[in-house]
């Protein structure tokens, strides 16, 4: 059994939202993944912290440039199809923080992140590892939505 823990990376930058753990188990040649996502409350808290860091740097006289950069990269990675143009990003500074968070959570809810862990079964390790690779790939590369970024833990059972 191996236990790996590492932050998911996108475009060479570590996202603070997702931190996944993987455990490997095999039973009679059948392999199953149990996929657990962060809760909506956890996602909202993390996005709120990132938004505060972003706004502190750009709107206030204080704020950390690295935290603002991480926040911007995270927003673009998670909401890439919605924050493409400069005017899209401008809303992060122009609108009220509460309104932005409402919008973020609407977008998160549209991703249909499962509220509970889900188990997927595979006939062999290669197929299973292909699914793990898909869960760890950027949406543009995998042709999937961004909900993979909210995976808390993947357990092979």
Foldseek 3Di string as FASTA:
>chain_A
DDKDWDFFDDPNDGAPQEIEIEAADDDPQKKKKKWFFDALVSNLVSLLVLLVQLQCVVPHPDHDPVSNVNSVVNCCQQVVVQQPDPVSVVCSHPPDSVVVSVVVSVSLVVLVQDRGIDMDMDNHPVVVVVVVVLLSDRCVVNVGHRRSNRTHYMYMD
